[in-house]
Structure formats: structure tokens, C-alpha cells
């Protein structure tokens, strides 16, 4: 166990130029942009000290910054393709000591799971360098990782492969012989293969149905509520069952 270094800052990457669904973070879902859903759910986390949107220097990113500004969320602009450098800049500008990495294409990210991740990282004995939610057990779209700013600095200095610059933490989790790596599978995590992230129009269709069904009467819905909803509507997960997650 090690003391949790604060501030704990969630950094989420967001850009306009996504290849399979351009402008996806601005797509409307139940009257609000996808990014709004992502950020407002993160704002419910109790163990975060702040949130930063790490976006790009492209002109179109102004629309992303405007959503963050409206919600009082910090913004950092950095390189388009070197996402690792973008994270490093965002962390340094906001004096992050511990970083929770999430991605903005997750409009139904679960704040309770993020808090579980932070708590598990703090209480891990022996201590770990990098902890992630176990995506082999959970739906994609709930993903989160936690590590120190010092470890991010090592990756930013040493990573040279394009995939490791693009995927931020690949330099870390590809080196289990060097770093202490672990994964957290929360109780009840038994939904592998389900996609709740948004990379395609089919993904957007599914999460739109989920939010429209749950948000009006249970605005603080969690992933267990989503699982129950999909059990009641088994045809919905088939909408994006054929979509393949991009590999690092």
C-alpha cells in the first residue's frame, strides 16, 4: 500500500478527426453532445480532484473546448498524433500527481467504477505502478487506467514506437518485467464482448438507446443498470456486435 499522491486528475483525450465516425464526441445524444455525457458522468466521481480534456491544436477542437468550458472542465491542447505528448502536457499544466486515463468516446463511463479503481490503486499491497479496469471482463466503454505522473514522464521520454505514442499507456503495459502491472475486475464483472464505447454509427445507435431509456428516470444510472436494460432488450447489443475494437 502507498499513500495516494494528489491531485488525482482524470485526463480524457478528445479530437474531431476520428476516422470511423468523424466528430463523434460532438454527436447529439438525447439533446446533449456525447462529450457532455462523458464529462458530467466523470464529475460524479468522488475520488478525483479534477478533470482535463486533452484535445488537439486543430481549429475544429474549439467546439470540444466550448463544451468543457461550459462544464468548468480544464482544457489542454496538444499534438494530434502524439497523444502521449498531449497527455504529458495536460498533466504538467495541471500539476497532476496521479493520473486516471479515460477516453472521451465513452459516454456511459461509470463513475463508481472509476472510484473503485482509484481506491484499489491506493490500497494495493504490494503497491502497483499501473492499474486498469479489466476489459476482458467488463464492457468496452467503461475503460479506465491509473498511474503516477512520474510513470507517465518515463513513458513520454522513452517511448519511440508510433503505437506507443498514440496509445499513451502501451509503453507501460507492454513491459511487465519492468513495471508492476495489475487489473481490477469489480464484483459482477461478467460482460465481456459488449461495446459501450463509440467508434461507429452502430455504437452510437446503441448508447443512444441506452441513455434515452435510462437518463429520464434514473440520471445517475450505472453499468449494472445498463446490463439489466440490455438483458431486457437482447436485440440491442446485436447492433454493434460485429464491430472490432482497434488494437494498440
C-alpha atoms as a PDB file:
ATOM      1  CA  UNK A   1       0.000   0.000   0.000  1.00  0.00           C
ATOM      2  CA  UNK A   2       1.221   3.500  -0.762  1.00  0.00           C
ATOM      3  CA  UNK A   3      -0.214   6.936   0.000  1.00  0.00           C
ATOM      4  CA  UNK A   4      -2.204   8.326  -2.887  1.00  0.00           C
ATOM      5  CA  UNK A   5      -0.349  11.267  -4.393  1.00  0.00           C
ATOM      6  CA  UNK A   6      -2.650  14.192  -5.044  1.00  0.00           C
ATOM      7  CA  UNK A   7      -4.018  15.805  -7.013  1.00  0.00           C
ATOM      8  CA  UNK A   8      -5.635  12.877  -8.790  1.00  0.00           C
ATOM      9  CA  UNK A   9      -6.549  14.189 -12.234  1.00  0.00           C
ATOM     10  CA  UNK A  10      -8.624  12.389 -14.857  1.00  0.00           C
ATOM     11  CA  UNK A  11      -7.310  13.210 -18.325  1.00  0.00           C
ATOM     12  CA  UNK A  12      -9.571  12.368 -21.231  1.00  0.00           C
ATOM     13  CA  UNK A  13      -8.465  12.596 -24.840  1.00  0.00           C
ATOM     14  CA  UNK A  14     -10.837  14.093 -27.395  1.00  0.00           C
ATOM     15  CA  UNK A  15     -10.437  15.135 -31.008  1.00  0.00           C
ATOM     16  CA  UNK A  16     -12.531  15.966 -34.035  1.00  0.00           C
ATOM     17  CA  UNK A  17     -10.827  13.798 -36.636  1.00  0.00           C
ATOM     18  CA  UNK A  18     -11.773  10.282 -35.582  1.00  0.00           C
ATOM     19  CA  UNK A  19     -11.548   8.039 -38.647  1.00  0.00           C
ATOM     20  CA  UNK A  20     -14.570   5.752 -38.389  1.00  0.00           C
ATOM     21  CA  UNK A  21     -17.046   8.334 -37.078  1.00  0.00           C
ATOM     22  CA  UNK A  22     -15.681  11.865 -37.591  1.00  0.00           C
ATOM     23  CA  UNK A  23     -16.731  14.371 -34.954  1.00  0.00           C
ATOM     24  CA  UNK A  24     -18.131  11.603 -32.764  1.00  0.00           C
ATOM     25  CA  UNK A  25     -17.632  13.439 -29.464  1.00  0.00           C
ATOM     26  CA  UNK A  26     -19.954  16.188 -30.719  1.00  0.00           C
ATOM     27  CA  UNK A  27     -22.731  13.839 -31.868  1.00  0.00           C
ATOM     28  CA  UNK A  28     -26.023  14.603 -30.108  1.00  0.00           C
ATOM     29  CA  UNK A  29     -27.431  12.058 -27.681  1.00  0.00           C
ATOM     30  CA  UNK A  30     -30.744  12.883 -26.026  1.00  0.00           C
ATOM     31  CA  UNK A  31     -30.227  16.605 -26.551  1.00  0.00           C
ATOM     32  CA  UNK A  32     -26.590  16.853 -25.439  1.00  0.00           C
ATOM     33  CA  UNK A  33     -23.239  16.193 -27.163  1.00  0.00           C
ATOM     34  CA  UNK A  34     -21.625  12.836 -26.482  1.00  0.00           C
ATOM     35  CA  UNK A  35     -18.733  14.626 -24.729  1.00  0.00           C
ATOM     36  CA  UNK A  36     -21.183  16.311 -22.331  1.00  0.00           C
ATOM     37  CA  UNK A  37     -22.431  12.915 -21.157  1.00  0.00           C
ATOM     38  CA  UNK A  38     -18.867  11.670 -20.681  1.00  0.00           C
ATOM     39  CA  UNK A  39     -17.740  14.697 -18.678  1.00  0.00           C
ATOM     40  CA  UNK A  40     -20.820  15.047 -16.487  1.00  0.00           C
ATOM     41  CA  UNK A  41     -20.560  11.397 -15.502  1.00  0.00           C
ATOM     42  CA  UNK A  42     -16.887  11.874 -14.586  1.00  0.00           C
ATOM     43  CA  UNK A  43     -17.870  14.877 -12.486  1.00  0.00           C
ATOM     44  CA  UNK A  44     -19.791  12.494 -10.224  1.00  0.00           C
ATOM     45  CA  UNK A  45     -16.572  10.716  -9.204  1.00  0.00           C
ATOM     46  CA  UNK A  46     -15.774  11.326  -5.547  1.00  0.00           C
ATOM     47  CA  UNK A  47     -12.071  10.471  -5.607  1.00  0.00           C
ATOM     48  CA  UNK A  48     -10.969  12.750  -8.452  1.00  0.00           C
ATOM     49  CA  UNK A  49      -9.506  16.178  -7.753  1.00  0.00           C
ATOM     50  CA  UNK A  50     -10.000  17.428 -11.303  1.00  0.00           C
ATOM     51  CA  UNK A  51     -10.730  16.603 -14.935  1.00  0.00           C
ATOM     52  CA  UNK A  52      -8.837  17.771 -18.018  1.00  0.00           C
ATOM     53  CA  UNK A  53      -9.837  17.414 -21.664  1.00  0.00           C
ATOM     54  CA  UNK A  54      -6.678  16.814 -23.682  1.00  0.00           C
ATOM     55  CA  UNK A  55      -7.632  17.901 -27.173  1.00  0.00           C
ATOM     56  CA  UNK A  56      -5.699  18.950 -30.257  1.00  0.00           C
ATOM     57  CA  UNK A  57      -4.454  22.156 -31.805  1.00  0.00           C
ATOM     58  CA  UNK A  58      -6.793  21.742 -34.778  1.00  0.00           C
ATOM     59  CA  UNK A  59      -9.276  24.597 -35.371  1.00  0.00           C
ATOM     60  CA  UNK A  60     -12.229  22.209 -35.047  1.00  0.00           C
ATOM     61  CA  UNK A  61     -11.227  21.441 -31.465  1.00  0.00           C
ATOM     62  CA  UNK A  62     -12.745  24.775 -30.409  1.00  0.00           C
ATOM     63  CA  UNK A  63     -16.131  23.047 -30.233  1.00  0.00           C
ATOM     64  CA  UNK A  64     -14.663  20.482 -27.828  1.00  0.00           C
ATOM     65  CA  UNK A  65     -13.162  23.207 -25.672  1.00  0.00           C
ATOM     66  CA  UNK A  66     -16.504  25.031 -25.579  1.00  0.00           C
ATOM     67  CA  UNK A  67     -18.273  22.009 -24.066  1.00  0.00           C
ATOM     68  CA  UNK A  68     -15.552  21.636 -21.442  1.00  0.00           C
ATOM     69  CA  UNK A  69     -15.658  25.357 -20.648  1.00  0.00           C
ATOM     70  CA  UNK A  70     -19.429  25.215 -20.169  1.00  0.00           C
ATOM     71  CA  UNK A  71     -18.942  22.484 -17.564  1.00  0.00           C
ATOM     72  CA  UNK A  72     -15.985  24.115 -15.832  1.00  0.00           C
ATOM     73  CA  UNK A  73     -13.568  21.446 -17.047  1.00  0.00           C
ATOM     74  CA  UNK A  74      -9.964  22.341 -17.882  1.00  0.00           C
ATOM     75  CA  UNK A  75      -8.678  22.025 -21.447  1.00  0.00           C
ATOM     76  CA  UNK A  76      -5.193  21.341 -22.789  1.00  0.00           C
ATOM     77  CA  UNK A  77      -4.342  21.401 -26.490  1.00  0.00           C
ATOM     78  CA  UNK A  78      -1.504  19.343 -27.901  1.00  0.00           C
ATOM     79  CA  UNK A  79      -0.369  17.262 -30.893  1.00  0.00           C
ATOM     80  CA  UNK A  80      -2.895  15.345 -32.979  1.00  0.00           C
ATOM     81  CA  UNK A  81      -0.983  12.079 -33.376  1.00  0.00           C
ATOM     82  CA  UNK A  82       1.428  12.145 -30.430  1.00  0.00           C
ATOM     83  CA  UNK A  83      -1.232  11.556 -27.792  1.00  0.00           C
ATOM     84  CA  UNK A  84       1.395  10.617 -25.223  1.00  0.00           C
ATOM     85  CA  UNK A  85       2.943  14.086 -25.527  1.00  0.00           C
ATOM     86  CA  UNK A  86      -0.551  15.566 -25.287  1.00  0.00           C
ATOM     87  CA  UNK A  87      -1.135  13.710 -22.014  1.00  0.00           C
ATOM     88  CA  UNK A  88       2.227  14.761 -20.668  1.00  0.00           C
ATOM     89  CA  UNK A  89       1.453  18.393 -21.433  1.00  0.00           C
ATOM     90  CA  UNK A  90      -2.001  18.176 -19.862  1.00  0.00           C
ATOM     91  CA  UNK A  91      -0.614  16.529 -16.728  1.00  0.00           C
ATOM     92  CA  UNK A  92       2.169  19.088 -16.317  1.00  0.00           C
ATOM     93  CA  UNK A  93      -0.122  22.070 -16.928  1.00  0.00           C
ATOM     94  CA  UNK A  94      -2.499  20.863 -14.218  1.00  0.00           C
ATOM     95  CA  UNK A  95       0.161  19.719 -11.712  1.00  0.00           C
ATOM     96  CA  UNK A  96      -1.214  16.159 -11.742  1.00  0.00           C
ATOM     97  CA  UNK A  97       0.493  13.758  -9.340  1.00  0.00           C
ATOM     98  CA  UNK A  98      -1.701  10.763 -10.133  1.00  0.00           C
ATOM     99  CA  UNK A  99      -3.456  10.327 -13.465  1.00  0.00           C
ATOM    100  CA  UNK A 100      -6.639   8.493 -14.365  1.00  0.00           C
ATOM    101  CA  UNK A 101      -6.678   7.967 -18.105  1.00  0.00           C
ATOM    102  CA  UNK A 102     -10.034   7.725 -19.850  1.00  0.00           C
ATOM    103  CA  UNK A 103     -11.195   8.395 -23.400  1.00  0.00           C
ATOM    104  CA  UNK A 104     -13.994  10.705 -24.441  1.00  0.00           C
ATOM    105  CA  UNK A 105     -15.749   8.187 -26.691  1.00  0.00           C
ATOM    106  CA  UNK A 106     -17.212   6.591 -23.541  1.00  0.00           C
ATOM    107  CA  UNK A 107     -20.478   8.458 -22.844  1.00  0.00           C
ATOM    108  CA  UNK A 108     -21.702   5.942 -20.245  1.00  0.00           C
ATOM    109  CA  UNK A 109     -18.452   5.626 -18.292  1.00  0.00           C
ATOM    110  CA  UNK A 110     -19.275   4.582 -14.730  1.00  0.00           C
ATOM    111  CA  UNK A 111     -18.073   6.993 -12.011  1.00  0.00           C
ATOM    112  CA  UNK A 112     -18.458   4.285  -9.378  1.00  0.00           C
ATOM    113  CA  UNK A 113     -16.025   2.042 -11.241  1.00  0.00           C
ATOM    114  CA  UNK A 114     -13.555   4.918 -11.610  1.00  0.00           C
ATOM    115  CA  UNK A 115     -13.717   5.493  -7.858  1.00  0.00           C
ATOM    116  CA  UNK A 116     -13.179   1.762  -7.258  1.00  0.00           C
ATOM    117  CA  UNK A 117     -10.094   1.917  -9.458  1.00  0.00           C
ATOM    118  CA  UNK A 118      -8.625   4.869  -7.563  1.00  0.00           C
ATOM    119  CA  UNK A 119      -9.316   3.214  -4.209  1.00  0.00           C
ATOM    120  CA  UNK A 120      -7.805  -0.089  -5.336  1.00  0.00           C
ATOM    121  CA  UNK A 121      -4.677   1.661  -6.610  1.00  0.00           C
ATOM    122  CA  UNK A 122      -4.272   3.380  -3.260  1.00  0.00           C
ATOM    123  CA  UNK A 123      -4.775   0.227  -1.203  1.00  0.00           C
ATOM    124  CA  UNK A 124      -2.850  -2.229  -3.397  1.00  0.00           C
ATOM    125  CA  UNK A 125      -0.437  -4.330  -1.368  1.00  0.00           C
ATOM    126  CA  UNK A 126       2.169  -4.724  -2.662  1.00  0.00           C
ATOM    127  CA  UNK A 127       1.943  -1.412  -4.453  1.00  0.00           C
ATOM    128  CA  UNK A 128       1.386  -1.344  -8.211  1.00  0.00           C
ATOM    129  CA  UNK A 129       2.689   1.084 -10.814  1.00  0.00           C
ATOM    130  CA  UNK A 130      -0.223   0.741 -13.222  1.00  0.00           C
ATOM    131  CA  UNK A 131      -3.765  -0.478 -12.619  1.00  0.00           C
ATOM    132  CA  UNK A 132      -6.570  -0.756 -15.150  1.00  0.00           C
ATOM    133  CA  UNK A 133     -10.137  -1.952 -15.158  1.00  0.00           C
ATOM    134  CA  UNK A 134     -10.153  -5.465 -16.594  1.00  0.00           C
ATOM    135  CA  UNK A 135     -11.609  -5.012 -20.082  1.00  0.00           C
ATOM    136  CA  UNK A 136     -11.595  -8.783 -20.612  1.00  0.00           C
ATOM    137  CA  UNK A 137     -14.381  -8.958 -18.016  1.00  0.00           C
ATOM    138  CA  UNK A 138     -16.139  -5.611 -18.474  1.00  0.00           C
ATOM    139  CA  UNK A 139     -17.830  -3.983 -21.468  1.00  0.00           C
ATOM    140  CA  UNK A 140     -15.625  -1.730 -23.548  1.00  0.00           C
ATOM    141  CA  UNK A 141     -16.609   1.859 -22.889  1.00  0.00           C
ATOM    142  CA  UNK A 142     -16.043   1.661 -19.139  1.00  0.00           C
ATOM    143  CA  UNK A 143     -12.257   1.650 -19.555  1.00  0.00           C
ATOM    144  CA  UNK A 144     -10.018   3.490 -17.102  1.00  0.00           C
ATOM    145  CA  UNK A 145      -6.351   3.276 -16.079  1.00  0.00           C
ATOM    146  CA  UNK A 146      -4.422   4.845 -13.191  1.00  0.00           C
ATOM    147  CA  UNK A 147      -0.709   5.559 -12.755  1.00  0.00           C
ATOM    148  CA  UNK A 148       1.625   8.232 -11.439  1.00  0.00           C
ATOM    149  CA  UNK A 149       2.695  11.352 -13.288  1.00  0.00           C
ATOM    150  CA  UNK A 150       6.269  10.154 -12.789  1.00  0.00           C
ATOM    151  CA  UNK A 151       5.492   6.968 -14.729  1.00  0.00           C
ATOM    152  CA  UNK A 152       3.846   8.995 -17.491  1.00  0.00           C
ATOM    153  CA  UNK A 153       7.040  11.048 -17.674  1.00  0.00           C
ATOM    154  CA  UNK A 154       9.135   7.910 -18.156  1.00  0.00           C
ATOM    155  CA  UNK A 155       6.870   6.778 -21.000  1.00  0.00           C
ATOM    156  CA  UNK A 156       6.918  10.221 -22.612  1.00  0.00           C
ATOM    157  CA  UNK A 157      10.733  10.325 -22.554  1.00  0.00           C
ATOM    158  CA  UNK A 158      11.423   6.776 -23.671  1.00  0.00           C
ATOM    159  CA  UNK A 159       8.581   5.631 -25.954  1.00  0.00           C
ATOM    160  CA  UNK A 160       9.598   5.738 -29.605  1.00  0.00           C
ATOM    161  CA  UNK A 161       7.232   3.421 -31.481  1.00  0.00           C
ATOM    162  CA  UNK A 162       4.302   5.206 -33.151  1.00  0.00           C
ATOM    163  CA  UNK A 163       1.766   2.903 -31.446  1.00  0.00           C
ATOM    164  CA  UNK A 164       3.228   3.760 -28.054  1.00  0.00           C
ATOM    165  CA  UNK A 165       2.982   7.493 -28.783  1.00  0.00           C
ATOM    166  CA  UNK A 166      -0.618   7.093 -29.975  1.00  0.00           C
ATOM    167  CA  UNK A 167      -1.965   4.816 -27.238  1.00  0.00           C
ATOM    168  CA  UNK A 168      -0.358   6.581 -24.246  1.00  0.00           C
ATOM    169  CA  UNK A 169      -0.003   3.651 -21.861  1.00  0.00           C
ATOM    170  CA  UNK A 170       1.144   0.954 -24.309  1.00  0.00           C
ATOM    171  CA  UNK A 171       4.780   1.645 -23.358  1.00  0.00           C
ATOM    172  CA  UNK A 172       3.889   0.759 -19.750  1.00  0.00           C
ATOM    173  CA  UNK A 173       1.677  -2.312 -20.067  1.00  0.00           C
ATOM    174  CA  UNK A 174       3.920  -3.864 -22.718  1.00  0.00           C
ATOM    175  CA  UNK A 175       6.724  -4.045 -20.121  1.00  0.00           C
ATOM    176  CA  UNK A 176       5.500  -6.173 -17.204  1.00  0.00           C
ATOM    177  CA  UNK A 177       9.103  -7.142 -16.485  1.00  0.00           C
ATOM    178  CA  UNK A 178       9.865  -3.506 -15.697  1.00  0.00           C
ATOM    179  CA  UNK A 179       6.651  -2.134 -14.182  1.00  0.00           C
ATOM    180  CA  UNK A 180       4.246  -3.589 -11.609  1.00  0.00           C
ATOM    181  CA  UNK A 181       1.042  -4.037 -13.598  1.00  0.00           C
ATOM    182  CA  UNK A 182      -2.351  -5.249 -12.444  1.00  0.00           C
ATOM    183  CA  UNK A 183      -6.006  -5.249 -13.493  1.00  0.00           C
ATOM    184  CA  UNK A 184      -9.148  -4.804 -11.421  1.00  0.00           C
ATOM    185  CA  UNK A 185     -12.226  -6.933 -12.076  1.00  0.00           C
ATOM    186  CA  UNK A 186     -15.043  -5.462  -9.948  1.00  0.00           C
ATOM    187  CA  UNK A 187     -17.622  -7.738  -8.413  1.00  0.00           C
ATOM    188  CA  UNK A 188     -20.158  -8.825 -11.002  1.00  0.00           C
ATOM    189  CA  UNK A 189     -17.849  -8.118 -13.928  1.00  0.00           C
ATOM    190  CA  UNK A 190     -19.093 -10.722 -16.385  1.00  0.00           C
ATOM    191  CA  UNK A 191     -19.926  -8.849 -19.567  1.00  0.00           C
ATOM    192  CA  UNK A 192     -17.018  -9.417 -21.973  1.00  0.00           C
ATOM    193  CA  UNK A 193     -17.598  -8.564 -25.611  1.00  0.00           C
ATOM    194  CA  UNK A 194     -20.224  -5.880 -25.010  1.00  0.00           C
ATOM    195  CA  UNK A 195     -19.410  -2.498 -26.598  1.00  0.00           C
ATOM    196  CA  UNK A 196     -20.492   0.719 -24.894  1.00  0.00           C
ATOM    197  CA  UNK A 197     -17.794   2.914 -26.445  1.00  0.00           C
ATOM    198  CA  UNK A 198     -18.468   4.862 -29.645  1.00  0.00           C
ATOM    199  CA  UNK A 199     -16.309   4.290 -32.699  1.00  0.00           C
ATOM    200  CA  UNK A 200     -19.012   3.773 -35.323  1.00  0.00           C
ATOM    201  CA  UNK A 201     -22.577   4.743 -36.162  1.00  0.00           C
ATOM    202  CA  UNK A 202     -23.714   1.362 -34.826  1.00  0.00           C
ATOM    203  CA  UNK A 203     -22.042   2.068 -31.478  1.00  0.00           C
ATOM    204  CA  UNK A 204     -23.721   5.474 -31.351  1.00  0.00           C
ATOM    205  CA  UNK A 205     -27.110   3.869 -32.015  1.00  0.00           C
ATOM    206  CA  UNK A 206     -26.690   1.509 -29.060  1.00  0.00           C
ATOM    207  CA  UNK A 207     -25.542   4.073 -26.479  1.00  0.00           C
ATOM    208  CA  UNK A 208     -28.226   6.491 -27.642  1.00  0.00           C
ATOM    209  CA  UNK A 209     -30.872   3.857 -26.913  1.00  0.00           C
ATOM    210  CA  UNK A 210     -29.303   3.197 -23.509  1.00  0.00           C
ATOM    211  CA  UNK A 211     -29.191   6.865 -22.489  1.00  0.00           C
ATOM    212  CA  UNK A 212     -32.667   7.635 -23.799  1.00  0.00           C
ATOM    213  CA  UNK A 213     -34.063   4.684 -21.857  1.00  0.00           C
ATOM    214  CA  UNK A 214     -32.273   5.305 -18.540  1.00  0.00           C
ATOM    215  CA  UNK A 215     -31.459   9.014 -18.176  1.00  0.00           C
ATOM    216  CA  UNK A 216     -35.023  10.394 -17.840  1.00  0.00           C
ATOM    217  CA  UNK A 217     -35.945   8.350 -14.756  1.00  0.00           C
ATOM    218  CA  UNK A 218     -32.506   7.369 -13.400  1.00  0.00           C
ATOM    219  CA  UNK A 219     -29.971  10.049 -14.393  1.00  0.00           C
ATOM    220  CA  UNK A 220     -27.243   8.513 -12.210  1.00  0.00           C
ATOM    221  CA  UNK A 221     -27.535   5.079 -13.818  1.00  0.00           C
ATOM    222  CA  UNK A 222     -24.565   2.748 -13.501  1.00  0.00           C
ATOM    223  CA  UNK A 223     -23.249  -0.138 -15.544  1.00  0.00           C
ATOM    224  CA  UNK A 224     -25.421  -2.643 -13.663  1.00  0.00           C
ATOM    225  CA  UNK A 225     -28.476  -0.673 -14.797  1.00  0.00           C
ATOM    226  CA  UNK A 226     -27.186  -0.849 -18.363  1.00  0.00           C
ATOM    227  CA  UNK A 227     -26.668  -4.609 -18.090  1.00  0.00           C
ATOM    228  CA  UNK A 228     -30.226  -5.071 -16.840  1.00  0.00           C
ATOM    229  CA  UNK A 229     -31.584  -2.901 -19.649  1.00  0.00           C
ATOM    230  CA  UNK A 230     -29.718  -4.903 -22.284  1.00  0.00           C
ATOM    231  CA  UNK A 231     -30.903  -8.163 -20.759  1.00  0.00           C
ATOM    232  CA  UNK A 232     -34.442  -6.863 -21.249  1.00  0.00           C
ATOM    233  CA  UNK A 233     -33.656  -5.839 -24.836  1.00  0.00           C
ATOM    234  CA  UNK A 234     -31.349  -8.591 -26.126  1.00  0.00           C
ATOM    235  CA  UNK A 235     -31.581  -7.356 -29.700  1.00  0.00           C
ATOM    236  CA  UNK A 236     -29.841  -4.080 -28.853  1.00  0.00           C
ATOM    237  CA  UNK A 237     -26.311  -5.462 -28.310  1.00  0.00           C
ATOM    238  CA  UNK A 238     -26.541  -7.068 -31.750  1.00  0.00           C
ATOM    239  CA  UNK A 239     -26.496  -3.573 -33.278  1.00  0.00           C
ATOM    240  CA  UNK A 240     -22.723  -3.313 -32.872  1.00  0.00           C
ATOM    241  CA  UNK A 241     -21.740  -6.916 -32.199  1.00  0.00           C
ATOM    242  CA  UNK A 242     -19.719  -7.064 -35.397  1.00  0.00           C
ATOM    243  CA  UNK A 243     -17.576  -4.002 -34.662  1.00  0.00           C
ATOM    244  CA  UNK A 244     -13.944  -4.836 -33.970  1.00  0.00           C
ATOM    245  CA  UNK A 245     -12.037  -2.845 -31.348  1.00  0.00           C
ATOM    246  CA  UNK A 246      -8.883  -1.246 -32.734  1.00  0.00           C
ATOM    247  CA  UNK A 247      -5.780  -2.877 -31.270  1.00  0.00           C
ATOM    248  CA  UNK A 248      -2.824  -0.824 -29.972  1.00  0.00           C
END
